[in-house]
């Protein structure tokens, strides 16, 4: 009986992992996806420069299985007040468009964060 339970647990774990990051036609896109449509990865550095010059030195975070801060090496939870989360991000997508918007958001956040970190680090 315990072997059956072990196999069942492994099977359910594999199913849950396979479900992450896939689109589903049976869900409603996250609120905030409209914000992701405005992000242009090619303008991330320029946007970061403008934010930094106006006094906003926060890094950008994205939601996933946990909080991610692309381009930042370290524990984001230790710096939670210094992170601005991008609404509409996540690791489960309703549509292919939402999946692509999330991919773009991660690229944007990485370029943005690298620019902020470059300004914050002593030269």
PDB file of N, CA and C in Angstrom:
ATOM      1  N   UNK A   1       0.816  -1.195   0.000  1.00  0.00           N
ATOM      2  CA  UNK A   1       0.000   0.000   0.000  1.00  0.00           C
ATOM      3  C   UNK A   1       0.859   1.258   0.000  1.00  0.00           C
ATOM      4  N   UNK A   2       1.957   1.248   0.751  1.00  0.00           N
ATOM      5  CA  UNK A   2       2.806   2.437   0.806  1.00  0.00           C
ATOM      6  C   UNK A   2       3.486   2.682  -0.544  1.00  0.00           C
ATOM      7  N   UNK A   3       3.765   1.604  -1.300  1.00  0.00           N
ATOM      8  CA  UNK A   3       4.341   1.776  -2.640  1.00  0.00           C
ATOM      9  C   UNK A   3       3.334   2.480  -3.539  1.00  0.00           C
ATOM     10  N   UNK A   4       2.071   2.120  -3.437  1.00  0.00           N
ATOM     11  CA  UNK A   4       1.021   2.750  -4.236  1.00  0.00           C
ATOM     12  C   UNK A   4       0.937   4.243  -3.911  1.00  0.00           C
ATOM     13  N   UNK A   5       0.999   4.580  -2.635  1.00  0.00           N
ATOM     14  CA  UNK A   5       0.930   5.983  -2.219  1.00  0.00           C
ATOM     15  C   UNK A   5       2.153   6.736  -2.728  1.00  0.00           C
ATOM     16  N   UNK A   6       3.323   6.123  -2.658  1.00  0.00           N
ATOM     17  CA  UNK A   6       4.543   6.765  -3.170  1.00  0.00           C
ATOM     18  C   UNK A   6       4.429   7.038  -4.665  1.00  0.00           C
ATOM     19  N   UNK A   7       3.960   6.057  -5.415  1.00  0.00           N
ATOM     20  CA  UNK A   7       3.805   6.231  -6.864  1.00  0.00           C
ATOM     21  C   UNK A   7       2.770   7.313  -7.153  1.00  0.00           C
ATOM     22  N   UNK A   8       1.692   7.330  -6.398  1.00  0.00           N
ATOM     23  CA  UNK A   8       0.643   8.336  -6.583  1.00  0.00           C
ATOM     24  C   UNK A   8       1.188   9.741  -6.314  1.00  0.00           C
ATOM     25  N   UNK A   9       1.968   9.901  -5.267  1.00  0.00           N
ATOM     26  CA  UNK A   9       2.548  11.199  -4.928  1.00  0.00           C
ATOM     27  C   UNK A   9       3.490  11.658  -6.041  1.00  0.00           C
ATOM     28  N   UNK A  10       4.323  10.767  -6.534  1.00  0.00           N
ATOM     29  CA  UNK A  10       5.239  11.117  -7.624  1.00  0.00           C
ATOM     30  C   UNK A  10       4.452  11.507  -8.866  1.00  0.00           C
ATOM     31  N   UNK A  11       3.422  10.746  -9.189  1.00  0.00           N
ATOM     32  CA  UNK A  11       2.582  11.038 -10.353  1.00  0.00           C
ATOM     33  C   UNK A  11       1.942  12.420 -10.233  1.00  0.00           C
ATOM     34  N   UNK A  12       1.400  12.732  -9.078  1.00  0.00           N
ATOM     35  CA  UNK A  12       0.762  14.034  -8.875  1.00  0.00           C
ATOM     36  C   UNK A  12       1.796  15.168  -8.917  1.00  0.00           C
ATOM     37  N   UNK A  13       2.979  14.927  -8.404  1.00  0.00           N
ATOM     38  CA  UNK A  13       4.030  15.947  -8.453  1.00  0.00           C
ATOM     39  C   UNK A  13       4.434  16.233  -9.894  1.00  0.00           C
ATOM     40  N   UNK A  14       4.585  15.182 -10.693  1.00  0.00           N
ATOM     41  CA  UNK A  14       4.939  15.364 -12.103  1.00  0.00           C
ATOM     42  C   UNK A  14       3.836  16.119 -12.831  1.00  0.00           C
ATOM     43  N   UNK A  15       2.599  15.779 -12.579  1.00  0.00           N
ATOM     44  CA  UNK A  15       1.482  16.490 -13.215  1.00  0.00           C
ATOM     45  C   UNK A  15       1.471  17.968 -12.852  1.00  0.00           C
ATOM     46  N   UNK A  16       1.744  18.284 -11.606  1.00  0.00           N
ATOM     47  CA  UNK A  16       1.721  19.689 -11.194  1.00  0.00           C
ATOM     48  C   UNK A  16       2.864  20.464 -11.846  1.00  0.00           C
ATOM     49  N   UNK A  17       4.029  19.847 -11.989  1.00  0.00           N
ATOM     50  CA  UNK A  17       5.157  20.515 -12.638  1.00  0.00           C
ATOM     51  C   UNK A  17       4.869  20.712 -14.123  1.00  0.00           C
ATOM     52  N   UNK A  18       4.308  19.719 -14.764  1.00  0.00           N
ATOM     53  CA  UNK A  18       3.998  19.837 -16.188  1.00  0.00           C
ATOM     54  C   UNK A  18       2.957  20.912 -16.445  1.00  0.00           C
ATOM     55  N   UNK A  19       2.107  21.185 -15.490  1.00  0.00           N
ATOM     56  CA  UNK A  19       1.067  22.193 -15.665  1.00  0.00           C
ATOM     57  C   UNK A  19       1.583  23.613 -15.547  1.00  0.00           C
ATOM     58  N   UNK A  20       2.713  23.817 -14.898  1.00  0.00           N
ATOM     59  CA  UNK A  20       3.255  25.166 -14.722  1.00  0.00           C
ATOM     60  C   UNK A  20       3.745  25.718 -16.043  1.00  0.00           C
ATOM     61  N   UNK A  21       3.451  26.978 -16.284  1.00  0.00           N
ATOM     62  CA  UNK A  21       3.945  27.630 -17.470  1.00  0.00           C
ATOM     63  C   UNK A  21       3.178  27.312 -18.730  1.00  0.00           C
ATOM     64  N   UNK A  22       2.106  26.599 -18.636  1.00  0.00           N
ATOM     65  CA  UNK A  22       1.320  26.268 -19.815  1.00  0.00           C
ATOM     66  C   UNK A  22       0.089  27.145 -19.886  1.00  0.00           C
ATOM     67  N   UNK A  23      -0.389  27.345 -21.095  1.00  0.00           N
ATOM     68  CA  UNK A  23      -1.599  28.142 -21.231  1.00  0.00           C
ATOM     69  C   UNK A  23      -2.815  27.254 -21.022  1.00  0.00           C
ATOM     70  N   UNK A  24      -3.866  27.859 -20.554  1.00  0.00           N
ATOM     71  CA  UNK A  24      -5.106  27.149 -20.287  1.00  0.00           C
ATOM     72  C   UNK A  24      -6.260  27.974 -20.811  1.00  0.00           C
ATOM     73  N   UNK A  25      -7.154  27.349 -21.524  1.00  0.00           N
ATOM     74  CA  UNK A  25      -8.306  28.060 -22.062  1.00  0.00           C
ATOM     75  C   UNK A  25      -9.410  28.197 -21.010  1.00  0.00           C
ATOM     76  N   UNK A  26      -9.233  27.606 -19.843  1.00  0.00           N
ATOM     77  CA  UNK A  26     -10.259  27.624 -18.804  1.00  0.00           C
ATOM     78  C   UNK A  26      -9.939  28.591 -17.678  1.00  0.00           C
ATOM     79  N   UNK A  27      -9.264  29.673 -17.972  1.00  0.00           N
ATOM     80  CA  UNK A  27      -8.969  30.637 -16.923  1.00  0.00           C
ATOM     81  C   UNK A  27      -9.099  32.047 -17.467  1.00  0.00           C
ATOM     82  N   UNK A  28      -9.102  32.990 -16.560  1.00  0.00           N
ATOM     83  CA  UNK A  28      -9.196  34.402 -16.911  1.00  0.00           C
ATOM     84  C   UNK A  28      -7.804  35.009 -16.782  1.00  0.00           C
ATOM     85  N   UNK A  29      -7.340  35.762 -17.791  1.00  0.00           N
ATOM     86  CA  UNK A  29      -6.016  36.389 -17.674  1.00  0.00           C
ATOM     87  C   UNK A  29      -5.927  37.248 -16.405  1.00  0.00           C
ATOM     88  N   UNK A  30      -4.731  37.325 -15.857  1.00  0.00           N
ATOM     89  CA  UNK A  30      -4.505  38.085 -14.627  1.00  0.00           C
ATOM     90  C   UNK A  30      -4.782  39.564 -14.836  1.00  0.00           C
ATOM     91  N   UNK A  31      -5.256  40.200 -13.778  1.00  0.00           N
ATOM     92  CA  UNK A  31      -5.364  41.655 -13.818  1.00  0.00           C
ATOM     93  C   UNK A  31      -3.945  42.195 -13.945  1.00  0.00           C
ATOM     94  N   UNK A  32      -3.787  43.247 -14.669  1.00  0.00           N
ATOM     95  CA  UNK A  32      -2.466  43.834 -14.831  1.00  0.00           C
ATOM     96  C   UNK A  32      -1.769  43.419 -16.111  1.00  0.00           C
ATOM     97  N   UNK A  33      -2.346  42.488 -16.866  1.00  0.00           N
ATOM     98  CA  UNK A  33      -1.722  42.077 -18.122  1.00  0.00           C
ATOM     99  C   UNK A  33      -1.606  43.270 -19.055  1.00  0.00           C
ATOM    100  N   UNK A  34      -2.541  44.205 -18.962  1.00  0.00           N
ATOM    101  CA  UNK A  34      -2.487  45.405 -19.813  1.00  0.00           C
ATOM    102  C   UNK A  34      -1.209  46.190 -19.572  1.00  0.00           C
ATOM    103  N   UNK A  35      -0.677  46.142 -18.345  1.00  0.00           N
ATOM    104  CA  UNK A  35       0.581  46.826 -18.029  1.00  0.00           C
ATOM    105  C   UNK A  35       1.725  46.181 -18.809  1.00  0.00           C
ATOM    106  N   UNK A  36       1.685  44.861 -18.926  1.00  0.00           N
ATOM    107  CA  UNK A  36       2.751  44.149 -19.625  1.00  0.00           C
ATOM    108  C   UNK A  36       2.785  44.502 -21.106  1.00  0.00           C
ATOM    109  N   UNK A  37       1.633  44.845 -21.671  1.00  0.00           N
ATOM    110  CA  UNK A  37       1.574  45.203 -23.089  1.00  0.00           C
ATOM    111  C   UNK A  37       2.334  46.488 -23.376  1.00  0.00           C
ATOM    112  N   UNK A  38       2.538  47.312 -22.375  1.00  0.00           N
ATOM    113  CA  UNK A  38       3.225  48.600 -22.547  1.00  0.00           C
ATOM    114  C   UNK A  38       4.741  48.477 -22.454  1.00  0.00           C
ATOM    115  N   UNK A  39       5.234  47.351 -21.946  1.00  0.00           N
ATOM    116  CA  UNK A  39       6.672  47.188 -21.739  1.00  0.00           C
ATOM    117  C   UNK A  39       7.378  46.889 -23.055  1.00  0.00           C
ATOM    118  N   UNK A  40       8.414  47.644 -23.327  1.00  0.00           N
ATOM    119  CA  UNK A  40       9.234  47.424 -24.514  1.00  0.00           C
ATOM    120  C   UNK A  40      10.660  47.158 -24.039  1.00  0.00           C
ATOM    121  N   UNK A  41      11.110  45.926 -24.234  1.00  0.00           N
ATOM    122  CA  UNK A  41      12.440  45.541 -23.753  1.00  0.00           C
ATOM    123  C   UNK A  41      13.524  46.462 -24.301  1.00  0.00           C
ATOM    124  N   UNK A  42      13.327  46.968 -25.507  1.00  0.00           N
ATOM    125  CA  UNK A  42      14.335  47.849 -26.112  1.00  0.00           C
ATOM    126  C   UNK A  42      14.430  49.193 -25.390  1.00  0.00           C
ATOM    127  N   UNK A  43      13.439  49.533 -24.566  1.00  0.00           N
ATOM    128  CA  UNK A  43      13.445  50.803 -23.842  1.00  0.00           C
ATOM    129  C   UNK A  43      13.701  50.641 -22.350  1.00  0.00           C
ATOM    130  N   UNK A  44      14.008  49.432 -21.923  1.00  0.00           N
ATOM    131  CA  UNK A  44      14.170  49.162 -20.492  1.00  0.00           C
ATOM    132  C   UNK A  44      15.274  49.999 -19.857  1.00  0.00           C
ATOM    133  N   UNK A  45      16.411  50.100 -20.514  1.00  0.00           N
ATOM    134  CA  UNK A  45      17.528  50.874 -19.951  1.00  0.00           C
ATOM    135  C   UNK A  45      17.178  52.356 -19.864  1.00  0.00           C
ATOM    136  N   UNK A  46      16.530  52.857 -20.892  1.00  0.00           N
ATOM    137  CA  UNK A  46      16.117  54.269 -20.894  1.00  0.00           C
ATOM    138  C   UNK A  46      15.099  54.518 -19.773  1.00  0.00           C
ATOM    139  N   UNK A  47      14.161  53.599 -19.602  1.00  0.00           N
ATOM    140  CA  UNK A  47      13.169  53.730 -18.530  1.00  0.00           C
ATOM    141  C   UNK A  47      13.832  53.679 -17.156  1.00  0.00           C
ATOM    142  N   UNK A  48      14.834  52.813 -17.015  1.00  0.00           N
ATOM    143  CA  UNK A  48      15.545  52.695 -15.741  1.00  0.00           C
ATOM    144  C   UNK A  48      16.326  53.971 -15.441  1.00  0.00           C
ATOM    145  N   UNK A  49      16.961  54.534 -16.457  1.00  0.00           N
ATOM    146  CA  UNK A  49      17.697  55.798 -16.289  1.00  0.00           C
ATOM    147  C   UNK A  49      16.749  56.894 -15.799  1.00  0.00           C
ATOM    148  N   UNK A  50      15.584  56.990 -16.439  1.00  0.00           N
ATOM    149  CA  UNK A  50      14.612  58.019 -16.056  1.00  0.00           C
ATOM    150  C   UNK A  50      14.125  57.814 -14.624  1.00  0.00           C
ATOM    151  N   UNK A  51      13.847  56.568 -14.269  1.00  0.00           N
ATOM    152  CA  UNK A  51      13.387  56.275 -12.905  1.00  0.00           C
ATOM    153  C   UNK A  51      14.481  56.614 -11.896  1.00  0.00           C
ATOM    154  N   UNK A  52      15.698  56.192 -12.184  1.00  0.00           N
ATOM    155  CA  UNK A  52      16.816  56.439 -11.273  1.00  0.00           C
ATOM    156  C   UNK A  52      17.039  57.933 -11.077  1.00  0.00           C
ATOM    157  N   UNK A  53      17.006  58.677 -12.169  1.00  0.00           N
ATOM    158  CA  UNK A  53      17.223  60.130 -12.100  1.00  0.00           C
ATOM    159  C   UNK A  53      16.103  60.852 -11.358  1.00  0.00           C
ATOM    160  N   UNK A  54      14.918  60.238 -11.303  1.00  0.00           N
ATOM    161  CA  UNK A  54      13.809  60.847 -10.567  1.00  0.00           C
ATOM    162  C   UNK A  54      13.769  60.372  -9.106  1.00  0.00           C
ATOM    163  N   UNK A  55      14.741  59.544  -8.715  1.00  0.00           N
ATOM    164  CA  UNK A  55      14.841  59.105  -7.326  1.00  0.00           C
ATOM    165  C   UNK A  55      14.292  57.719  -7.050  1.00  0.00           C
ATOM    166  N   UNK A  56      13.782  57.024  -8.062  1.00  0.00           N
ATOM    167  CA  UNK A  56      13.248  55.672  -7.873  1.00  0.00           C
ATOM    168  C   UNK A  56      14.350  54.671  -8.197  1.00  0.00           C
ATOM    169  N   UNK A  57      14.947  54.096  -7.174  1.00  0.00           N
ATOM    170  CA  UNK A  57      16.073  53.181  -7.340  1.00  0.00           C
ATOM    171  C   UNK A  57      15.650  51.728  -7.164  1.00  0.00           C
ATOM    172  N   UNK A  58      14.355  51.476  -7.124  1.00  0.00           N
ATOM    173  CA  UNK A  58      13.863  50.111  -6.912  1.00  0.00           C
ATOM    174  C   UNK A  58      14.130  49.230  -8.131  1.00  0.00           C
ATOM    175  N   UNK A  59      14.322  47.951  -7.850  1.00  0.00           N
ATOM    176  CA  UNK A  59      14.455  46.956  -8.901  1.00  0.00           C
ATOM    177  C   UNK A  59      13.064  46.450  -9.272  1.00  0.00           C
ATOM    178  N   UNK A  60      12.958  45.827 -10.439  1.00  0.00           N
ATOM    179  CA  UNK A  60      11.689  45.252 -10.872  1.00  0.00           C
ATOM    180  C   UNK A  60      11.663  43.767 -10.554  1.00  0.00           C
ATOM    181  N   UNK A  61      10.535  43.327 -10.020  1.00  0.00           N
ATOM    182  CA  UNK A  61      10.341  41.919  -9.737  1.00  0.00           C
ATOM    183  C   UNK A  61       9.193  41.372 -10.553  1.00  0.00           C
ATOM    184  N   UNK A  62       9.235  40.067 -10.787  1.00  0.00           N
ATOM    185  CA  UNK A  62       8.155  39.381 -11.478  1.00  0.00           C
ATOM    186  C   UNK A  62       7.684  38.225 -10.600  1.00  0.00           C
ATOM    187  N   UNK A  63       6.414  37.942 -10.723  1.00  0.00           N
ATOM    188  CA  UNK A  63       5.858  36.813  -9.989  1.00  0.00           C
ATOM    189  C   UNK A  63       6.104  35.539 -10.778  1.00  0.00           C
ATOM    190  N   UNK A  64       6.312  34.473 -10.085  1.00  0.00           N
ATOM    191  CA  UNK A  64       6.481  33.154 -10.673  1.00  0.00           C
ATOM    192  C   UNK A  64       6.112  32.161  -9.596  1.00  0.00           C
ATOM    193  N   UNK A  65       6.847  31.079  -9.533  1.00  0.00           N
ATOM    194  CA  UNK A  65       6.643  30.142  -8.421  1.00  0.00           C
ATOM    195  C   UNK A  65       6.906  30.874  -7.118  1.00  0.00           C
ATOM    196  N   UNK A  66       7.847  31.802  -7.169  1.00  0.00           N
ATOM    197  CA  UNK A  66       8.120  32.715  -6.065  1.00  0.00           C
ATOM    198  C   UNK A  66       8.491  34.052  -6.696  1.00  0.00           C
ATOM    199  N   UNK A  67       8.903  34.999  -5.909  1.00  0.00           N
ATOM    200  CA  UNK A  67       9.311  36.302  -6.431  1.00  0.00           C
ATOM    201  C   UNK A  67      10.669  36.149  -7.115  1.00  0.00           C
ATOM    202  N   UNK A  68      10.764  36.702  -8.324  1.00  0.00           N
ATOM    203  CA  UNK A  68      12.024  36.703  -9.059  1.00  0.00           C
ATOM    204  C   UNK A  68      12.413  38.148  -9.349  1.00  0.00           C
ATOM    205  N   UNK A  69      13.707  38.428  -9.285  1.00  0.00           N
ATOM    206  CA  UNK A  69      14.224  39.740  -9.648  1.00  0.00           C
ATOM    207  C   UNK A  69      15.313  39.487 -10.689  1.00  0.00           C
ATOM    208  N   UNK A  70      14.932  39.448 -11.973  1.00  0.00           N
ATOM    209  CA  UNK A  70      15.897  39.125 -13.024  1.00  0.00           C
ATOM    210  C   UNK A  70      17.097  40.072 -13.016  1.00  0.00           C
ATOM    211  N   UNK A  71      18.283  39.484 -13.128  1.00  0.00           N
ATOM    212  CA  UNK A  71      19.508  40.273 -13.137  1.00  0.00           C
ATOM    213  C   UNK A  71      20.078  40.560 -11.763  1.00  0.00           C
ATOM    214  N   UNK A  72      19.357  40.203 -10.714  1.00  0.00           N
ATOM    215  CA  UNK A  72      19.811  40.445  -9.339  1.00  0.00           C
ATOM    216  C   UNK A  72      20.276  39.139  -8.730  1.00  0.00           C
ATOM    217  N   UNK A  73      21.485  39.150  -8.210  1.00  0.00           N
ATOM    218  CA  UNK A  73      21.993  37.956  -7.526  1.00  0.00           C
ATOM    219  C   UNK A  73      21.848  38.187  -6.038  1.00  0.00           C
ATOM    220  N   UNK A  74      21.006  37.418  -5.444  1.00  0.00           N
ATOM    221  CA  UNK A  74      20.784  37.568  -4.017  1.00  0.00           C
ATOM    222  C   UNK A  74      19.363  37.190  -3.675  1.00  0.00           C
ATOM    223  N   UNK A  75      19.055  37.298  -2.430  1.00  0.00           N
ATOM    224  CA  UNK A  75      17.733  36.936  -1.935  1.00  0.00           C
ATOM    225  C   UNK A  75      16.808  38.149  -2.038  1.00  0.00           C
ATOM    226  N   UNK A  76      15.816  38.111  -2.953  1.00  0.00           N
ATOM    227  CA  UNK A  76      14.943  39.274  -3.099  1.00  0.00           C
ATOM    228  C   UNK A  76      14.125  39.570  -1.847  1.00  0.00           C
ATOM    229  N   UNK A  77      13.873  38.564  -1.022  1.00  0.00           N
ATOM    230  CA  UNK A  77      13.058  38.773   0.171  1.00  0.00           C
ATOM    231  C   UNK A  77      13.764  39.664   1.197  1.00  0.00           C
ATOM    232  N   UNK A  78      15.093  39.717   1.126  1.00  0.00           N
ATOM    233  CA  UNK A  78      15.843  40.591   2.026  1.00  0.00           C
ATOM    234  C   UNK A  78      15.737  42.058   1.603  1.00  0.00           C
ATOM    235  N   UNK A  79      15.237  42.290   0.386  1.00  0.00           N
ATOM    236  CA  UNK A  79      15.169  43.646  -0.163  1.00  0.00           C
ATOM    237  C   UNK A  79      13.763  43.980  -0.643  1.00  0.00           C
ATOM    238  N   UNK A  80      12.751  43.405   0.000  1.00  0.00           N
ATOM    239  CA  UNK A  80      11.385  43.523  -0.508  1.00  0.00           C
ATOM    240  C   UNK A  80      10.894  44.965  -0.624  1.00  0.00           C
ATOM    241  N   UNK A  81      11.394  45.874   0.185  1.00  0.00           N
ATOM    242  CA  UNK A  81      10.976  47.273   0.080  1.00  0.00           C
ATOM    243  C   UNK A  81      11.647  47.991  -1.087  1.00  0.00           C
ATOM    244  N   UNK A  82      12.635  47.341  -1.677  1.00  0.00           N
ATOM    245  CA  UNK A  82      13.378  47.939  -2.781  1.00  0.00           C
ATOM    246  C   UNK A  82      12.999  47.314  -4.119  1.00  0.00           C
ATOM    247  N   UNK A  83      11.873  46.599  -4.144  1.00  0.00           N
ATOM    248  CA  UNK A  83      11.437  45.908  -5.361  1.00  0.00           C
ATOM    249  C   UNK A  83      10.031  46.369  -5.725  1.00  0.00           C
ATOM    250  N   UNK A  84       9.856  46.706  -6.974  1.00  0.00           N
ATOM    251  CA  UNK A  84       8.529  47.040  -7.513  1.00  0.00           C
ATOM    252  C   UNK A  84       8.102  45.867  -8.384  1.00  0.00           C
ATOM    253  N   UNK A  85       7.029  45.219  -7.989  1.00  0.00           N
ATOM    254  CA  UNK A  85       6.560  44.042  -8.711  1.00  0.00           C
ATOM    255  C   UNK A  85       5.769  44.450  -9.951  1.00  0.00           C
ATOM    256  N   UNK A  86       5.974  43.711 -11.031  1.00  0.00           N
ATOM    257  CA  UNK A  86       5.223  43.941 -12.263  1.00  0.00           C
ATOM    258  C   UNK A  86       3.923  43.146 -12.206  1.00  0.00           C
ATOM    259  N   UNK A  87       2.809  43.866 -12.135  1.00  0.00           N
ATOM    260  CA  UNK A  87       1.507  43.208 -12.128  1.00  0.00           C
ATOM    261  C   UNK A  87       1.284  42.473 -13.439  1.00  0.00           C
ATOM    262  N   UNK A  88       0.569  41.382 -13.359  1.00  0.00           N
ATOM    263  CA  UNK A  88       0.244  40.604 -14.550  1.00  0.00           C
ATOM    264  C   UNK A  88       1.229  39.486 -14.836  1.00  0.00           C
ATOM    265  N   UNK A  89       2.347  39.454 -14.078  1.00  0.00           N
ATOM    266  CA  UNK A  89       3.317  38.385 -14.289  1.00  0.00           C
ATOM    267  C   UNK A  89       2.929  37.171 -13.461  1.00  0.00           C
ATOM    268  N   UNK A  90       3.443  36.032 -13.841  1.00  0.00           N
ATOM    269  CA  UNK A  90       3.172  34.794 -13.130  1.00  0.00           C
ATOM    270  C   UNK A  90       3.786  33.628 -13.867  1.00  0.00           C
ATOM    271  N   UNK A  91       3.457  32.421 -13.440  1.00  0.00           N
ATOM    272  CA  UNK A  91       4.007  31.235 -14.103  1.00  0.00           C
ATOM    273  C   UNK A  91       2.925  30.338 -14.693  1.00  0.00           C
ATOM    274  N   UNK A  92       1.684  30.801 -14.680  1.00  0.00           N
ATOM    275  CA  UNK A  92       0.588  30.082 -15.323  1.00  0.00           C
ATOM    276  C   UNK A  92      -0.105  31.077 -16.235  1.00  0.00           C
ATOM    277  N   UNK A  93      -0.314  30.680 -17.485  1.00  0.00           N
ATOM    278  CA  UNK A  93      -0.832  31.599 -18.493  1.00  0.00           C
ATOM    279  C   UNK A  93      -2.135  31.077 -19.087  1.00  0.00           C
ATOM    280  N   UNK A  94      -3.047  32.006 -19.345  1.00  0.00           N
ATOM    281  CA  UNK A  94      -4.328  31.647 -19.959  1.00  0.00           C
ATOM    282  C   UNK A  94      -4.224  31.586 -21.478  1.00  0.00           C
ATOM    283  N   UNK A  95      -3.361  32.393 -22.040  1.00  0.00           N
ATOM    284  CA  UNK A  95      -3.245  32.473 -23.491  1.00  0.00           C
ATOM    285  C   UNK A  95      -1.777  32.497 -23.890  1.00  0.00           C
ATOM    286  N   UNK A  96      -1.518  32.239 -25.151  1.00  0.00           N
ATOM    287  CA  UNK A  96      -0.149  32.347 -25.645  1.00  0.00           C
ATOM    288  C   UNK A  96       0.332  33.788 -25.586  1.00  0.00           C
ATOM    289  N   UNK A  97      -0.582  34.736 -25.798  1.00  0.00           N
ATOM    290  CA  UNK A  97      -0.207  36.145 -25.699  1.00  0.00           C
ATOM    291  C   UNK A  97       0.289  36.452 -24.284  1.00  0.00           C
ATOM    292  N   UNK A  98      -0.414  35.966 -23.292  1.00  0.00           N
ATOM    293  CA  UNK A  98      -0.003  36.201 -21.907  1.00  0.00           C
ATOM    294  C   UNK A  98       1.358  35.562 -21.630  1.00  0.00           C
ATOM    295  N   UNK A  99       1.602  34.398 -22.182  1.00  0.00           N
ATOM    296  CA  UNK A  99       2.904  33.734 -22.031  1.00  0.00           C
ATOM    297  C   UNK A  99       4.011  34.596 -22.643  1.00  0.00           C
ATOM    298  N   UNK A 100       3.783  35.127 -23.835  1.00  0.00           N
ATOM    299  CA  UNK A 100       4.782  35.967 -24.499  1.00  0.00           C
ATOM    300  C   UNK A 100       4.988  37.287 -23.750  1.00  0.00           C
ATOM    301  N   UNK A 101       3.917  37.860 -23.228  1.00  0.00           N
ATOM    302  CA  UNK A 101       4.031  39.094 -22.452  1.00  0.00           C
ATOM    303  C   UNK A 101       4.864  38.868 -21.191  1.00  0.00           C
ATOM    304  N   UNK A 102       4.695  37.716 -20.558  1.00  0.00           N
ATOM    305  CA  UNK A 102       5.478  37.393 -19.362  1.00  0.00           C
ATOM    306  C   UNK A 102       6.947  37.180 -19.718  1.00  0.00           C
ATOM    307  N   UNK A 103       7.206  36.546 -20.837  1.00  0.00           N
ATOM    308  CA  UNK A 103       8.591  36.354 -21.281  1.00  0.00           C
ATOM    309  C   UNK A 103       9.238  37.716 -21.528  1.00  0.00           C
ATOM    310  N   UNK A 104       8.522  38.608 -22.215  1.00  0.00           N
ATOM    311  CA  UNK A 104       9.022  39.956 -22.473  1.00  0.00           C
ATOM    312  C   UNK A 104       9.237  40.718 -21.161  1.00  0.00           C
ATOM    313  N   UNK A 105       8.325  40.544 -20.199  1.00  0.00           N
ATOM    314  CA  UNK A 105       8.447  41.240 -18.913  1.00  0.00           C
ATOM    315  C   UNK A 105       9.723  40.826 -18.191  1.00  0.00           C
ATOM    316  N   UNK A 106      10.086  39.562 -18.277  1.00  0.00           N
ATOM    317  CA  UNK A 106      11.313  39.094 -17.630  1.00  0.00           C
ATOM    318  C   UNK A 106      12.553  39.672 -18.317  1.00  0.00           C
ATOM    319  N   UNK A 107      12.527  39.753 -19.647  1.00  0.00           N
ATOM    320  CA  UNK A 107      13.642  40.346 -20.384  1.00  0.00           C
ATOM    321  C   UNK A 107      13.751  41.831 -20.036  1.00  0.00           C
ATOM    322  N   UNK A 108      12.602  42.517 -20.040  1.00  0.00           N
ATOM    323  CA  UNK A 108      12.555  43.940 -19.694  1.00  0.00           C
ATOM    324  C   UNK A 108      13.112  44.150 -18.286  1.00  0.00           C
ATOM    325  N   UNK A 109      12.634  43.362 -17.327  1.00  0.00           N
ATOM    326  CA  UNK A 109      13.062  43.519 -15.933  1.00  0.00           C
ATOM    327  C   UNK A 109      14.565  43.285 -15.786  1.00  0.00           C
ATOM    328  N   UNK A 110      15.099  42.321 -16.505  1.00  0.00           N
ATOM    329  CA  UNK A 110      16.538  42.050 -16.406  1.00  0.00           C
ATOM    330  C   UNK A 110      17.344  43.244 -16.913  1.00  0.00           C
ATOM    331  N   UNK A 111      16.986  43.778 -18.075  1.00  0.00           N
ATOM    332  CA  UNK A 111      17.711  44.943 -18.615  1.00  0.00           C
ATOM    333  C   UNK A 111      17.548  46.157 -17.699  1.00  0.00           C
ATOM    334  N   UNK A 112      16.336  46.363 -17.218  1.00  0.00           N
ATOM    335  CA  UNK A 112      16.037  47.480 -16.316  1.00  0.00           C
ATOM    336  C   UNK A 112      16.892  47.358 -15.051  1.00  0.00           C
ATOM    337  N   UNK A 113      16.863  46.176 -14.438  1.00  0.00           N
ATOM    338  CA  UNK A 113      17.585  45.960 -13.189  1.00  0.00           C
ATOM    339  C   UNK A 113      19.093  46.082 -13.368  1.00  0.00           C
ATOM    340  N   UNK A 114      19.612  45.597 -14.481  1.00  0.00           N
ATOM    341  CA  UNK A 114      21.051  45.718 -14.722  1.00  0.00           C
ATOM    342  C   UNK A 114      21.458  47.187 -14.811  1.00  0.00           C
ATOM    343  N   UNK A 115      20.588  48.005 -15.392  1.00  0.00           N
ATOM    344  CA  UNK A 115      20.875  49.441 -15.477  1.00  0.00           C
ATOM    345  C   UNK A 115      20.856  50.071 -14.088  1.00  0.00           C
ATOM    346  N   UNK A 116      19.833  49.763 -13.290  1.00  0.00           N
ATOM    347  CA  UNK A 116      19.742  50.310 -11.918  1.00  0.00           C
ATOM    348  C   UNK A 116      20.935  49.854 -11.092  1.00  0.00           C
ATOM    349  N   UNK A 117      21.248  48.575 -11.163  1.00  0.00           N
ATOM    350  CA  UNK A 117      22.369  48.044 -10.385  1.00  0.00           C
ATOM    351  C   UNK A 117      23.691  48.665 -10.820  1.00  0.00           C
ATOM    352  N   UNK A 118      23.849  48.919 -12.120  1.00  0.00           N
ATOM    353  CA  UNK A 118      25.056  49.563 -12.620  1.00  0.00           C
ATOM    354  C   UNK A 118      25.223  50.967 -12.079  1.00  0.00           C
ATOM    355  N   UNK A 119      24.123  51.662 -11.867  1.00  0.00           N
ATOM    356  CA  UNK A 119      24.183  53.022 -11.324  1.00  0.00           C
ATOM    357  C   UNK A 119      24.428  52.991  -9.822  1.00  0.00           C
ATOM    358  N   UNK A 120      23.901  51.990  -9.152  1.00  0.00           N
ATOM    359  CA  UNK A 120      23.983  51.917  -7.691  1.00  0.00           C
ATOM    360  C   UNK A 120      25.354  51.422  -7.216  1.00  0.00           C
ATOM    361  N   UNK A 121      26.050  50.673  -8.073  1.00  0.00           N
ATOM    362  CA  UNK A 121      27.335  50.123  -7.662  1.00  0.00           C
ATOM    363  C   UNK A 121      28.426  51.184  -7.775  1.00  0.00           C
ATOM    364  N   UNK A 122      29.324  51.238  -6.810  1.00  0.00           N
ATOM    365  CA  UNK A 122      30.429  52.207  -6.881  1.00  0.00           C
ATOM    366  C   UNK A 122      31.320  51.887  -8.070  1.00  0.00           C
ATOM    367  N   UNK A 123      31.799  52.909  -8.704  1.00  0.00           N
ATOM    368  CA  UNK A 123      32.660  52.719  -9.903  1.00  0.00           C
ATOM    369  C   UNK A 123      34.109  52.849  -9.543  1.00  0.00           C
TER     370      UNK A 123
END
